[in-house]
């Protein structure tokens, strides 16, 4: 399974990359929306784990563009923000799952299986 991590916080991105690599996943990383979209255009991924707040946009904008392009991918939001009731429904935001920071790695692994 190939996973794209989109996270602007260096320590969080690095820790998540190490964790998922040790779990046996192929991992690519991006620190912003633009880089993530370029990677998604260049190669296939099975899942994307993205922060909501990015320096050049939002995870919502990223997933909206992914869905607009017809890319079939599991989308996991990783956020420290609260979100409105019902926002975790895929038809509302395009995300399949929401995980709160600090990350529960057991839950993430279960979602990716």
PDB file of N, CA and C in Angstrom:
ATOM      1  N   UNK A   1       0.842  -1.178   0.000  1.00  0.00           N
ATOM      2  CA  UNK A   1       0.000   0.000   0.000  1.00  0.00           C
ATOM      3  C   UNK A   1       0.887   1.241   0.000  1.00  0.00           C
ATOM      4  N   UNK A   2       0.540   2.193  -0.864  1.00  0.00           N
ATOM      5  CA  UNK A   2       1.269   3.469  -0.954  1.00  0.00           C
ATOM      6  C   UNK A   2       0.446   4.554  -0.274  1.00  0.00           C
ATOM      7  N   UNK A   3       1.097   5.295   0.624  1.00  0.00           N
ATOM      8  CA  UNK A   3       0.414   6.333   1.391  1.00  0.00           C
ATOM      9  C   UNK A   3       1.116   7.666   1.186  1.00  0.00           C
ATOM     10  N   UNK A   4       0.318   8.705   0.962  1.00  0.00           N
ATOM     11  CA  UNK A   4       0.835  10.069   0.885  1.00  0.00           C
ATOM     12  C   UNK A   4       0.487  10.784   2.181  1.00  0.00           C
ATOM     13  N   UNK A   5       1.502  11.301   2.854  1.00  0.00           N
ATOM     14  CA  UNK A   5       1.324  12.091   4.072  1.00  0.00           C
ATOM     15  C   UNK A   5       1.466  13.556   3.694  1.00  0.00           C
ATOM     16  N   UNK A   6       0.493  14.360   4.075  1.00  0.00           N
ATOM     17  CA  UNK A   6       0.555  15.798   3.815  1.00  0.00           C
ATOM     18  C   UNK A   6       0.454  16.496   5.169  1.00  0.00           C
ATOM     19  N   UNK A   7       1.572  17.028   5.612  1.00  0.00           N
ATOM     20  CA  UNK A   7       1.667  17.630   6.950  1.00  0.00           C
ATOM     21  C   UNK A   7       2.755  18.683   6.923  1.00  0.00           C
ATOM     22  N   UNK A   8       2.431  19.903   7.361  1.00  0.00           N
ATOM     23  CA  UNK A   8       3.421  20.978   7.317  1.00  0.00           C
ATOM     24  C   UNK A   8       4.319  21.027   8.548  1.00  0.00           C
ATOM     25  N   UNK A   9       3.944  20.378   9.629  1.00  0.00           N
ATOM     26  CA  UNK A   9       4.763  20.365  10.837  1.00  0.00           C
ATOM     27  C   UNK A   9       5.841  19.286  10.673  1.00  0.00           C
ATOM     28  N   UNK A  10       7.095  19.718  10.612  1.00  0.00           N
ATOM     29  CA  UNK A  10       8.205  18.812  10.296  1.00  0.00           C
ATOM     30  C   UNK A  10       8.269  17.593  11.215  1.00  0.00           C
ATOM     31  N   UNK A  11       8.202  17.805  12.522  1.00  0.00           N
ATOM     32  CA  UNK A  11       8.327  16.693  13.467  1.00  0.00           C
ATOM     33  C   UNK A  11       7.186  15.695  13.318  1.00  0.00           C
ATOM     34  N   UNK A  12       5.977  16.194  13.153  1.00  0.00           N
ATOM     35  CA  UNK A  12       4.822  15.307  12.981  1.00  0.00           C
ATOM     36  C   UNK A  12       4.940  14.517  11.694  1.00  0.00           C
ATOM     37  N   UNK A  13       5.300  15.203  10.612  1.00  0.00           N
ATOM     38  CA  UNK A  13       5.452  14.546   9.306  1.00  0.00           C
ATOM     39  C   UNK A  13       6.534  13.470   9.361  1.00  0.00           C
ATOM     40  N   UNK A  14       7.670  13.803   9.968  1.00  0.00           N
ATOM     41  CA  UNK A  14       8.774  12.845  10.048  1.00  0.00           C
ATOM     42  C   UNK A  14       8.409  11.631  10.893  1.00  0.00           C
ATOM     43  N   UNK A  15       7.748  11.860  12.022  1.00  0.00           N
ATOM     44  CA  UNK A  15       7.356  10.754  12.905  1.00  0.00           C
ATOM     45  C   UNK A  15       6.343   9.851  12.210  1.00  0.00           C
ATOM     46  N   UNK A  16       5.389  10.448  11.536  1.00  0.00           N
ATOM     47  CA  UNK A  16       4.377   9.664  10.833  1.00  0.00           C
ATOM     48  C   UNK A  16       5.004   8.877   9.679  1.00  0.00           C
ATOM     49  N   UNK A  17       5.930   9.492   8.980  1.00  0.00           N
ATOM     50  CA  UNK A  17       6.625   8.789   7.895  1.00  0.00           C
ATOM     51  C   UNK A  17       7.403   7.591   8.434  1.00  0.00           C
ATOM     52  N   UNK A  18       8.137   7.786   9.519  1.00  0.00           N
ATOM     53  CA  UNK A  18       8.899   6.675  10.117  1.00  0.00           C
ATOM     54  C   UNK A  18       7.961   5.561  10.578  1.00  0.00           C
ATOM     55  N   UNK A  19       6.887   5.935  11.255  1.00  0.00           N
ATOM     56  CA  UNK A  19       5.945   4.941  11.768  1.00  0.00           C
ATOM     57  C   UNK A  19       5.350   4.106  10.633  1.00  0.00           C
ATOM     58  N   UNK A  20       4.827   4.758   9.595  1.00  0.00           N
ATOM     59  CA  UNK A  20       4.186   4.034   8.513  1.00  0.00           C
ATOM     60  C   UNK A  20       5.188   3.221   7.694  1.00  0.00           C
ATOM     61  N   UNK A  21       6.399   3.719   7.550  1.00  0.00           N
ATOM     62  CA  UNK A  21       7.442   2.952   6.853  1.00  0.00           C
ATOM     63  C   UNK A  21       7.782   1.689   7.631  1.00  0.00           C
ATOM     64  N   UNK A  22       7.897   1.810   8.947  1.00  0.00           N
ATOM     65  CA  UNK A  22       8.172   0.631   9.785  1.00  0.00           C
ATOM     66  C   UNK A  22       7.037  -0.376   9.741  1.00  0.00           C
ATOM     67  N   UNK A  23       5.827   0.099   9.469  1.00  0.00           N
ATOM     68  CA  UNK A  23       4.671  -0.801   9.339  1.00  0.00           C
ATOM     69  C   UNK A  23       4.657  -1.507   7.988  1.00  0.00           C
ATOM     70  N   UNK A  24       5.583  -1.136   7.114  1.00  0.00           N
ATOM     71  CA  UNK A  24       5.701  -1.798   5.821  1.00  0.00           C
ATOM     72  C   UNK A  24       5.025  -1.098   4.661  1.00  0.00           C
ATOM     73  N   UNK A  25       4.540   0.112   4.883  1.00  0.00           N
ATOM     74  CA  UNK A  25       3.885   0.859   3.812  1.00  0.00           C
ATOM     75  C   UNK A  25       4.904   1.636   2.995  1.00  0.00           C
ATOM     76  N   UNK A  26       4.608   1.832   1.722  1.00  0.00           N
ATOM     77  CA  UNK A  26       5.369   2.754   0.901  1.00  0.00           C
ATOM     78  C   UNK A  26       4.853   4.151   1.212  1.00  0.00           C
ATOM     79  N   UNK A  27       5.743   5.078   1.515  1.00  0.00           N
ATOM     80  CA  UNK A  27       5.329   6.398   1.978  1.00  0.00           C
ATOM     81  C   UNK A  27       6.008   7.499   1.177  1.00  0.00           C
ATOM     82  N   UNK A  28       5.220   8.509   0.833  1.00  0.00           N
ATOM     83  CA  UNK A  28       5.740   9.752   0.264  1.00  0.00           C
ATOM     84  C   UNK A  28       5.201  10.876   1.131  1.00  0.00           C
ATOM     85  N   UNK A  29       5.925  11.991   1.165  1.00  0.00           N
ATOM     86  CA  UNK A  29       5.510  13.098   2.032  1.00  0.00           C
ATOM     87  C   UNK A  29       5.462  14.411   1.259  1.00  0.00           C
ATOM     88  N   UNK A  30       4.576  15.284   1.744  1.00  0.00           N
ATOM     89  CA  UNK A  30       4.460  16.641   1.208  1.00  0.00           C
ATOM     90  C   UNK A  30       4.184  17.566   2.383  1.00  0.00           C
ATOM     91  N   UNK A  31       4.722  18.776   2.299  1.00  0.00           N
ATOM     92  CA  UNK A  31       4.526  19.758   3.364  1.00  0.00           C
ATOM     93  C   UNK A  31       3.446  20.775   3.017  1.00  0.00           C
ATOM     94  N   UNK A  32       2.922  20.698   1.784  1.00  0.00           N
ATOM     95  CA  UNK A  32       1.905  21.673   1.390  1.00  0.00           C
ATOM     96  C   UNK A  32       0.994  21.079   0.315  1.00  0.00           C
ATOM     97  N   UNK A  33      -0.063  21.794   0.045  1.00  0.00           N
ATOM     98  CA  UNK A  33      -1.080  21.358  -0.907  1.00  0.00           C
ATOM     99  C   UNK A  33      -0.518  21.221  -2.318  1.00  0.00           C
ATOM    100  N   UNK A  34       0.237  22.194  -2.763  1.00  0.00           N
ATOM    101  CA  UNK A  34       0.789  22.181  -4.125  1.00  0.00           C
ATOM    102  C   UNK A  34       1.649  20.945  -4.364  1.00  0.00           C
ATOM    103  N   UNK A  35       2.546  20.652  -3.428  1.00  0.00           N
ATOM    104  CA  UNK A  35       3.415  19.486  -3.558  1.00  0.00           C
ATOM    105  C   UNK A  35       2.601  18.203  -3.550  1.00  0.00           C
ATOM    106  N   UNK A  36       1.593  18.141  -2.691  1.00  0.00           N
ATOM    107  CA  UNK A  36       0.736  16.956  -2.620  1.00  0.00           C
ATOM    108  C   UNK A  36       0.036  16.709  -3.959  1.00  0.00           C
ATOM    109  N   UNK A  37      -0.515  17.755  -4.552  1.00  0.00           N
ATOM    110  CA  UNK A  37      -1.196  17.589  -5.834  1.00  0.00           C
ATOM    111  C   UNK A  37      -0.232  17.144  -6.926  1.00  0.00           C
ATOM    112  N   UNK A  38       0.989  17.667  -6.912  1.00  0.00           N
ATOM    113  CA  UNK A  38       1.996  17.240  -7.892  1.00  0.00           C
ATOM    114  C   UNK A  38       2.332  15.759  -7.720  1.00  0.00           C
ATOM    115  N   UNK A  39       2.497  15.316  -6.478  1.00  0.00           N
ATOM    116  CA  UNK A  39       2.787  13.901  -6.218  1.00  0.00           C
ATOM    117  C   UNK A  39       1.626  13.015  -6.653  1.00  0.00           C
ATOM    118  N   UNK A  40       0.398  13.445  -6.356  1.00  0.00           N
ATOM    119  CA  UNK A  40      -0.781  12.662  -6.730  1.00  0.00           C
ATOM    120  C   UNK A  40      -0.925  12.545  -8.245  1.00  0.00           C
ATOM    121  N   UNK A  41      -0.481  13.550  -8.960  1.00  0.00           N
ATOM    122  CA  UNK A  41      -0.532  13.510 -10.424  1.00  0.00           C
ATOM    123  C   UNK A  41       0.566  12.610 -10.987  1.00  0.00           C
ATOM    124  N   UNK A  42       1.700  12.550 -10.286  1.00  0.00           N
ATOM    125  CA  UNK A  42       2.863  11.818 -10.792  1.00  0.00           C
ATOM    126  C   UNK A  42       2.833  10.320 -10.505  1.00  0.00           C
ATOM    127  N   UNK A  43       2.135   9.915  -9.432  1.00  0.00           N
ATOM    128  CA  UNK A  43       2.159   8.503  -9.060  1.00  0.00           C
ATOM    129  C   UNK A  43       0.886   8.114  -8.315  1.00  0.00           C
ATOM    130  N   UNK A  44       0.543   6.830  -8.365  1.00  0.00           N
ATOM    131  CA  UNK A  44      -0.675   6.382  -7.683  1.00  0.00           C
ATOM    132  C   UNK A  44      -0.437   6.156  -6.183  1.00  0.00           C
ATOM    133  N   UNK A  45      -1.461   6.451  -5.413  1.00  0.00           N
ATOM    134  CA  UNK A  45      -1.457   6.192  -3.975  1.00  0.00           C
ATOM    135  C   UNK A  45      -2.757   5.493  -3.615  1.00  0.00           C
ATOM    136  N   UNK A  46      -2.702   4.715  -2.548  1.00  0.00           N
ATOM    137  CA  UNK A  46      -3.889   4.023  -2.053  1.00  0.00           C
ATOM    138  C   UNK A  46      -4.590   4.820  -0.961  1.00  0.00           C
ATOM    139  N   UNK A  47      -3.823   5.632  -0.249  1.00  0.00           N
ATOM    140  CA  UNK A  47      -4.387   6.420   0.854  1.00  0.00           C
ATOM    141  C   UNK A  47      -3.633   7.732   0.984  1.00  0.00           C
ATOM    142  N   UNK A  48      -4.341   8.721   1.511  1.00  0.00           N
ATOM    143  CA  UNK A  48      -3.732  10.008   1.822  1.00  0.00           C
ATOM    144  C   UNK A  48      -4.104  10.347   3.256  1.00  0.00           C
ATOM    145  N   UNK A  49      -3.097  10.733   4.024  1.00  0.00           N
ATOM    146  CA  UNK A  49      -3.306  11.190   5.400  1.00  0.00           C
ATOM    147  C   UNK A  49      -2.861  12.643   5.403  1.00  0.00           C
ATOM    148  N   UNK A  50      -3.804  13.553   5.629  1.00  0.00           N
ATOM    149  CA  UNK A  50      -3.478  14.966   5.507  1.00  0.00           C
ATOM    150  C   UNK A  50      -3.960  15.788   6.687  1.00  0.00           C
ATOM    151  N   UNK A  51      -3.132  16.728   7.047  1.00  0.00           N
ATOM    152  CA  UNK A  51      -3.507  17.740   8.018  1.00  0.00           C
ATOM    153  C   UNK A  51      -4.570  18.622   7.367  1.00  0.00           C
ATOM    154  N   UNK A  52      -5.383  19.267   8.186  1.00  0.00           N
ATOM    155  CA  UNK A  52      -6.389  20.181   7.649  1.00  0.00           C
ATOM    156  C   UNK A  52      -5.770  21.545   7.333  1.00  0.00           C
ATOM    157  N   UNK A  53      -4.963  22.071   8.251  1.00  0.00           N
ATOM    158  CA  UNK A  53      -4.356  23.394   8.053  1.00  0.00           C
ATOM    159  C   UNK A  53      -3.012  23.228   7.356  1.00  0.00           C
ATOM    160  N   UNK A  54      -2.927  23.715   6.128  1.00  0.00           N
ATOM    161  CA  UNK A  54      -1.700  23.659   5.352  1.00  0.00           C
ATOM    162  C   UNK A  54      -1.285  25.085   5.015  1.00  0.00           C
ATOM    163  N   UNK A  55      -0.003  25.317   4.758  1.00  0.00           N
ATOM    164  CA  UNK A  55       0.451  26.691   4.530  1.00  0.00           C
ATOM    165  C   UNK A  55      -0.137  27.353   3.284  1.00  0.00           C
ATOM    166  N   UNK A  56      -0.532  26.566   2.292  1.00  0.00           N
ATOM    167  CA  UNK A  56      -1.047  27.146   1.054  1.00  0.00           C
ATOM    168  C   UNK A  56      -2.483  26.728   0.757  1.00  0.00           C
ATOM    169  N   UNK A  57      -3.205  26.320   1.783  1.00  0.00           N
ATOM    170  CA  UNK A  57      -4.599  25.911   1.593  1.00  0.00           C
ATOM    171  C   UNK A  57      -5.046  25.038   2.745  1.00  0.00           C
ATOM    172  N   UNK A  58      -5.994  24.173   2.450  1.00  0.00           N
ATOM    173  CA  UNK A  58      -6.511  23.285   3.490  1.00  0.00           C
ATOM    174  C   UNK A  58      -6.574  21.852   2.980  1.00  0.00           C
ATOM    175  N   UNK A  59      -6.644  20.945   3.923  1.00  0.00           N
ATOM    176  CA  UNK A  59      -6.867  19.552   3.563  1.00  0.00           C
ATOM    177  C   UNK A  59      -8.199  19.374   2.857  1.00  0.00           C
ATOM    178  N   UNK A  60      -9.190  20.203   3.214  1.00  0.00           N
ATOM    179  CA  UNK A  60     -10.487  20.145   2.531  1.00  0.00           C
ATOM    180  C   UNK A  60     -10.325  20.476   1.051  1.00  0.00           C
ATOM    181  N   UNK A  61      -9.547  21.515   0.749  1.00  0.00           N
ATOM    182  CA  UNK A  61      -9.308  21.890  -0.649  1.00  0.00           C
ATOM    183  C   UNK A  61      -8.563  20.777  -1.382  1.00  0.00           C
ATOM    184  N   UNK A  62      -7.617  20.158  -0.706  1.00  0.00           N
ATOM    185  CA  UNK A  62      -6.854  19.065  -1.303  1.00  0.00           C
ATOM    186  C   UNK A  62      -7.773  17.907  -1.671  1.00  0.00           C
ATOM    187  N   UNK A  63      -8.581  17.465  -0.719  1.00  0.00           N
ATOM    188  CA  UNK A  63      -9.450  16.323  -0.981  1.00  0.00           C
ATOM    189  C   UNK A  63     -10.522  16.673  -2.007  1.00  0.00           C
ATOM    190  N   UNK A  64     -11.003  17.890  -1.978  1.00  0.00           N
ATOM    191  CA  UNK A  64     -11.970  18.328  -2.982  1.00  0.00           C
ATOM    192  C   UNK A  64     -11.375  18.213  -4.383  1.00  0.00           C
ATOM    193  N   UNK A  65     -10.131  18.642  -4.538  1.00  0.00           N
ATOM    194  CA  UNK A  65      -9.465  18.561  -5.842  1.00  0.00           C
ATOM    195  C   UNK A  65      -9.193  17.109  -6.227  1.00  0.00           C
ATOM    196  N   UNK A  66      -8.802  16.297  -5.264  1.00  0.00           N
ATOM    197  CA  UNK A  66      -8.568  14.869  -5.519  1.00  0.00           C
ATOM    198  C   UNK A  66      -9.850  14.228  -6.044  1.00  0.00           C
ATOM    199  N   UNK A  67     -10.966  14.497  -5.377  1.00  0.00           N
ATOM    200  CA  UNK A  67     -12.249  13.918  -5.785  1.00  0.00           C
ATOM    201  C   UNK A  67     -12.680  14.475  -7.148  1.00  0.00           C
ATOM    202  N   UNK A  68     -12.447  15.786  -7.389  1.00  0.00           N
ATOM    203  CA  UNK A  68     -12.802  16.393  -8.669  1.00  0.00           C
ATOM    204  C   UNK A  68     -12.053  15.729  -9.812  1.00  0.00           C
ATOM    205  N   UNK A  69     -10.796  15.367  -9.543  1.00  0.00           N
ATOM    206  CA  UNK A  69      -9.979  14.711 -10.564  1.00  0.00           C
ATOM    207  C   UNK A  69     -10.340  13.236 -10.753  1.00  0.00           C
ATOM    208  N   UNK A  70     -11.217  12.729  -9.924  1.00  0.00           N
ATOM    209  CA  UNK A  70     -11.635  11.334 -10.045  1.00  0.00           C
ATOM    210  C   UNK A  70     -10.630  10.341  -9.496  1.00  0.00           C
ATOM    211  N   UNK A  71      -9.752  10.800  -8.636  1.00  0.00           N
ATOM    212  CA  UNK A  71      -8.756   9.913  -8.036  1.00  0.00           C
ATOM    213  C   UNK A  71      -9.426   9.117  -6.926  1.00  0.00           C
ATOM    214  N   UNK A  72      -9.380   7.800  -7.050  1.00  0.00           N
ATOM    215  CA  UNK A  72      -9.962   6.916  -6.046  1.00  0.00           C
ATOM    216  C   UNK A  72      -8.903   6.630  -4.980  1.00  0.00           C
ATOM    217  N   UNK A  73      -9.130   7.158  -3.790  1.00  0.00           N
ATOM    218  CA  UNK A  73      -8.131   7.054  -2.729  1.00  0.00           C
ATOM    219  C   UNK A  73      -8.827   7.169  -1.379  1.00  0.00           C
ATOM    220  N   UNK A  74      -8.341   6.411  -0.389  1.00  0.00           N
ATOM    221  CA  UNK A  74      -8.844   6.565   0.970  1.00  0.00           C
ATOM    222  C   UNK A  74      -8.274   7.862   1.526  1.00  0.00           C
ATOM    223  N   UNK A  75      -9.145   8.715   2.081  1.00  0.00           N
ATOM    224  CA  UNK A  75      -8.708  10.020   2.585  1.00  0.00           C
ATOM    225  C   UNK A  75      -8.927  10.097   4.093  1.00  0.00           C
ATOM    226  N   UNK A  76      -7.832  10.337   4.809  1.00  0.00           N
ATOM    227  CA  UNK A  76      -7.869  10.425   6.266  1.00  0.00           C
ATOM    228  C   UNK A  76      -7.431  11.827   6.675  1.00  0.00           C
ATOM    229  N   UNK A  77      -8.297  12.519   7.395  1.00  0.00           N
ATOM    230  CA  UNK A  77      -7.971  13.847   7.929  1.00  0.00           C
ATOM    231  C   UNK A  77      -7.284  13.665   9.272  1.00  0.00           C
ATOM    232  N   UNK A  78      -6.216  14.405   9.462  1.00  0.00           N
ATOM    233  CA  UNK A  78      -5.482  14.404  10.725  1.00  0.00           C
ATOM    234  C   UNK A  78      -5.476  15.840  11.216  1.00  0.00           C
ATOM    235  N   UNK A  79      -6.155  16.096  12.339  1.00  0.00           N
ATOM    236  CA  UNK A  79      -6.308  17.475  12.751  1.00  0.00           C
ATOM    237  C   UNK A  79      -6.382  17.653  14.256  1.00  0.00           C
ATOM    238  N   UNK A  80      -5.946  18.805  14.699  1.00  0.00           N
ATOM    239  CA  UNK A  80      -6.085  19.190  16.099  1.00  0.00           C
ATOM    240  C   UNK A  80      -7.332  20.044  16.280  1.00  0.00           C
ATOM    241  N   UNK A  81      -7.958  20.435  15.165  1.00  0.00           N
ATOM    242  CA  UNK A  81      -9.135  21.296  15.216  1.00  0.00           C
ATOM    243  C   UNK A  81     -10.399  20.497  15.522  1.00  0.00           C
ATOM    244  N   UNK A  82     -11.344  21.167  16.136  1.00  0.00           N
ATOM    245  CA  UNK A  82     -12.685  20.609  16.255  1.00  0.00           C
ATOM    246  C   UNK A  82     -13.372  20.832  14.925  1.00  0.00           C
ATOM    247  N   UNK A  83     -14.304  20.010  14.601  1.00  0.00           N
ATOM    248  CA  UNK A  83     -15.047  20.213  13.369  1.00  0.00           C
ATOM    249  C   UNK A  83     -16.530  20.101  13.676  1.00  0.00           C
ATOM    250  N   UNK A  84     -17.351  20.736  12.876  1.00  0.00           N
ATOM    251  CA  UNK A  84     -18.783  20.746  13.150  1.00  0.00           C
ATOM    252  C   UNK A  84     -19.410  19.356  13.077  1.00  0.00           C
ATOM    253  N   UNK A  85     -20.472  19.186  13.801  1.00  0.00           N
ATOM    254  CA  UNK A  85     -21.205  17.921  13.797  1.00  0.00           C
ATOM    255  C   UNK A  85     -21.573  17.566  12.355  1.00  0.00           C
ATOM    256  N   UNK A  86     -21.305  16.323  11.989  1.00  0.00           N
ATOM    257  CA  UNK A  86     -21.626  15.873  10.638  1.00  0.00           C
ATOM    258  C   UNK A  86     -20.519  16.096   9.635  1.00  0.00           C
ATOM    259  N   UNK A  87     -19.478  16.845  10.009  1.00  0.00           N
ATOM    260  CA  UNK A  87     -18.396  17.116   9.054  1.00  0.00           C
ATOM    261  C   UNK A  87     -17.585  15.881   8.751  1.00  0.00           C
ATOM    262  N   UNK A  88     -17.688  14.863   9.603  1.00  0.00           N
ATOM    263  CA  UNK A  88     -16.922  13.645   9.370  1.00  0.00           C
ATOM    264  C   UNK A  88     -17.631  12.684   8.400  1.00  0.00           C
ATOM    265  N   UNK A  89     -18.728  13.110   7.824  1.00  0.00           N
ATOM    266  CA  UNK A  89     -19.414  12.295   6.830  1.00  0.00           C
ATOM    267  C   UNK A  89     -18.773  12.545   5.458  1.00  0.00           C
ATOM    268  N   UNK A  90     -18.364  11.479   4.760  1.00  0.00           N
ATOM    269  CA  UNK A  90     -17.665  11.651   3.477  1.00  0.00           C
ATOM    270  C   UNK A  90     -18.403  12.524   2.478  1.00  0.00           C
ATOM    271  N   UNK A  91     -19.719  12.479   2.437  1.00  0.00           N
ATOM    272  CA  UNK A  91     -20.441  13.278   1.441  1.00  0.00           C
ATOM    273  C   UNK A  91     -20.322  14.773   1.718  1.00  0.00           C
ATOM    274  N   UNK A  92     -19.960  15.136   2.945  1.00  0.00           N
ATOM    275  CA  UNK A  92     -19.848  16.550   3.309  1.00  0.00           C
ATOM    276  C   UNK A  92     -18.470  17.098   2.953  1.00  0.00           C
ATOM    277  N   UNK A  93     -17.407  16.375   3.266  1.00  0.00           N
ATOM    278  CA  UNK A  93     -16.055  16.906   3.101  1.00  0.00           C
ATOM    279  C   UNK A  93     -15.189  16.130   2.114  1.00  0.00           C
ATOM    280  N   UNK A  94     -15.565  14.929   1.772  1.00  0.00           N
ATOM    281  CA  UNK A  94     -14.739  14.102   0.907  1.00  0.00           C
ATOM    282  C   UNK A  94     -13.802  13.181   1.668  1.00  0.00           C
ATOM    283  N   UNK A  95     -13.635  13.426   2.964  1.00  0.00           N
ATOM    284  CA  UNK A  95     -12.793  12.549   3.780  1.00  0.00           C
ATOM    285  C   UNK A  95     -13.556  11.286   4.155  1.00  0.00           C
ATOM    286  N   UNK A  96     -12.829  10.179   4.206  1.00  0.00           N
ATOM    287  CA  UNK A  96     -13.424   8.928   4.651  1.00  0.00           C
ATOM    288  C   UNK A  96     -13.364   8.803   6.170  1.00  0.00           C
ATOM    289  N   UNK A  97     -12.310   9.353   6.760  1.00  0.00           N
ATOM    290  CA  UNK A  97     -12.103   9.232   8.209  1.00  0.00           C
ATOM    291  C   UNK A  97     -11.463  10.496   8.759  1.00  0.00           C
ATOM    292  N   UNK A  98     -11.721  10.750  10.025  1.00  0.00           N
ATOM    293  CA  UNK A  98     -11.088  11.839  10.759  1.00  0.00           C
ATOM    294  C   UNK A  98     -10.366  11.263  11.954  1.00  0.00           C
ATOM    295  N   UNK A  99      -9.128  11.687  12.154  1.00  0.00           N
ATOM    296  CA  UNK A  99      -8.358  11.341  13.352  1.00  0.00           C
ATOM    297  C   UNK A  99      -7.886  12.625  13.995  1.00  0.00           C
ATOM    298  N   UNK A 100      -7.948  12.666  15.299  1.00  0.00           N
ATOM    299  CA  UNK A 100      -7.523  13.853  16.032  1.00  0.00           C
ATOM    300  C   UNK A 100      -6.071  13.720  16.484  1.00  0.00           C
ATOM    301  N   UNK A 101      -5.409  14.855  16.541  1.00  0.00           N
ATOM    302  CA  UNK A 101      -4.074  14.914  17.125  1.00  0.00           C
ATOM    303  C   UNK A 101      -4.241  15.077  18.634  1.00  0.00           C
ATOM    304  N   UNK A 102      -3.409  14.482  19.443  1.00  0.00           N
ATOM    305  CA  UNK A 102      -2.305  13.605  19.050  1.00  0.00           C
ATOM    306  C   UNK A 102      -2.831  12.305  18.434  1.00  0.00           C
ATOM    307  N   UNK A 103      -2.099  11.814  17.475  1.00  0.00           N
ATOM    308  CA  UNK A 103      -2.516  10.679  16.664  1.00  0.00           C
ATOM    309  C   UNK A 103      -2.549   9.382  17.460  1.00  0.00           C
ATOM    310  N   UNK A 104      -3.628   8.645  17.301  1.00  0.00           N
ATOM    311  CA  UNK A 104      -3.765   7.289  17.829  1.00  0.00           C
ATOM    312  C   UNK A 104      -3.277   6.353  16.720  1.00  0.00           C
ATOM    313  N   UNK A 105      -2.032   5.900  16.821  1.00  0.00           N
ATOM    314  CA  UNK A 105      -1.429   5.092  15.757  1.00  0.00           C
ATOM    315  C   UNK A 105      -2.122   3.741  15.595  1.00  0.00           C
ATOM    316  N   UNK A 106      -2.663   3.197  16.673  1.00  0.00           N
ATOM    317  CA  UNK A 106      -3.386   1.923  16.580  1.00  0.00           C
ATOM    318  C   UNK A 106      -4.620   2.103  15.696  1.00  0.00           C
ATOM    319  N   UNK A 107      -5.323   3.199  15.891  1.00  0.00           N
ATOM    320  CA  UNK A 107      -6.513   3.468  15.083  1.00  0.00           C
ATOM    321  C   UNK A 107      -6.137   3.700  13.617  1.00  0.00           C
ATOM    322  N   UNK A 108      -5.058   4.436  13.371  1.00  0.00           N
ATOM    323  CA  UNK A 108      -4.621   4.669  11.996  1.00  0.00           C
ATOM    324  C   UNK A 108      -4.281   3.364  11.313  1.00  0.00           C
ATOM    325  N   UNK A 109      -3.545   2.500  11.983  1.00  0.00           N
ATOM    326  CA  UNK A 109      -3.190   1.198  11.380  1.00  0.00           C
ATOM    327  C   UNK A 109      -4.438   0.382  11.077  1.00  0.00           C
ATOM    328  N   UNK A 110      -5.419   0.414  11.963  1.00  0.00           N
ATOM    329  CA  UNK A 110      -6.658  -0.328  11.740  1.00  0.00           C
ATOM    330  C   UNK A 110      -7.392   0.209  10.500  1.00  0.00           C
ATOM    331  N   UNK A 111      -7.415   1.519  10.322  1.00  0.00           N
ATOM    332  CA  UNK A 111      -8.066   2.112   9.149  1.00  0.00           C
ATOM    333  C   UNK A 111      -7.361   1.709   7.857  1.00  0.00           C
ATOM    334  N   UNK A 112      -6.057   1.640   7.891  1.00  0.00           N
ATOM    335  CA  UNK A 112      -5.287   1.355   6.695  1.00  0.00           C
ATOM    336  C   UNK A 112      -5.301  -0.118   6.287  1.00  0.00           C
ATOM    337  N   UNK A 113      -5.718  -0.966   7.181  1.00  0.00           N
ATOM    338  CA  UNK A 113      -5.754  -2.409   6.864  1.00  0.00           C
ATOM    339  C   UNK A 113      -6.890  -2.768   5.987  1.00  0.00           C
TER     340      UNK A 113
END
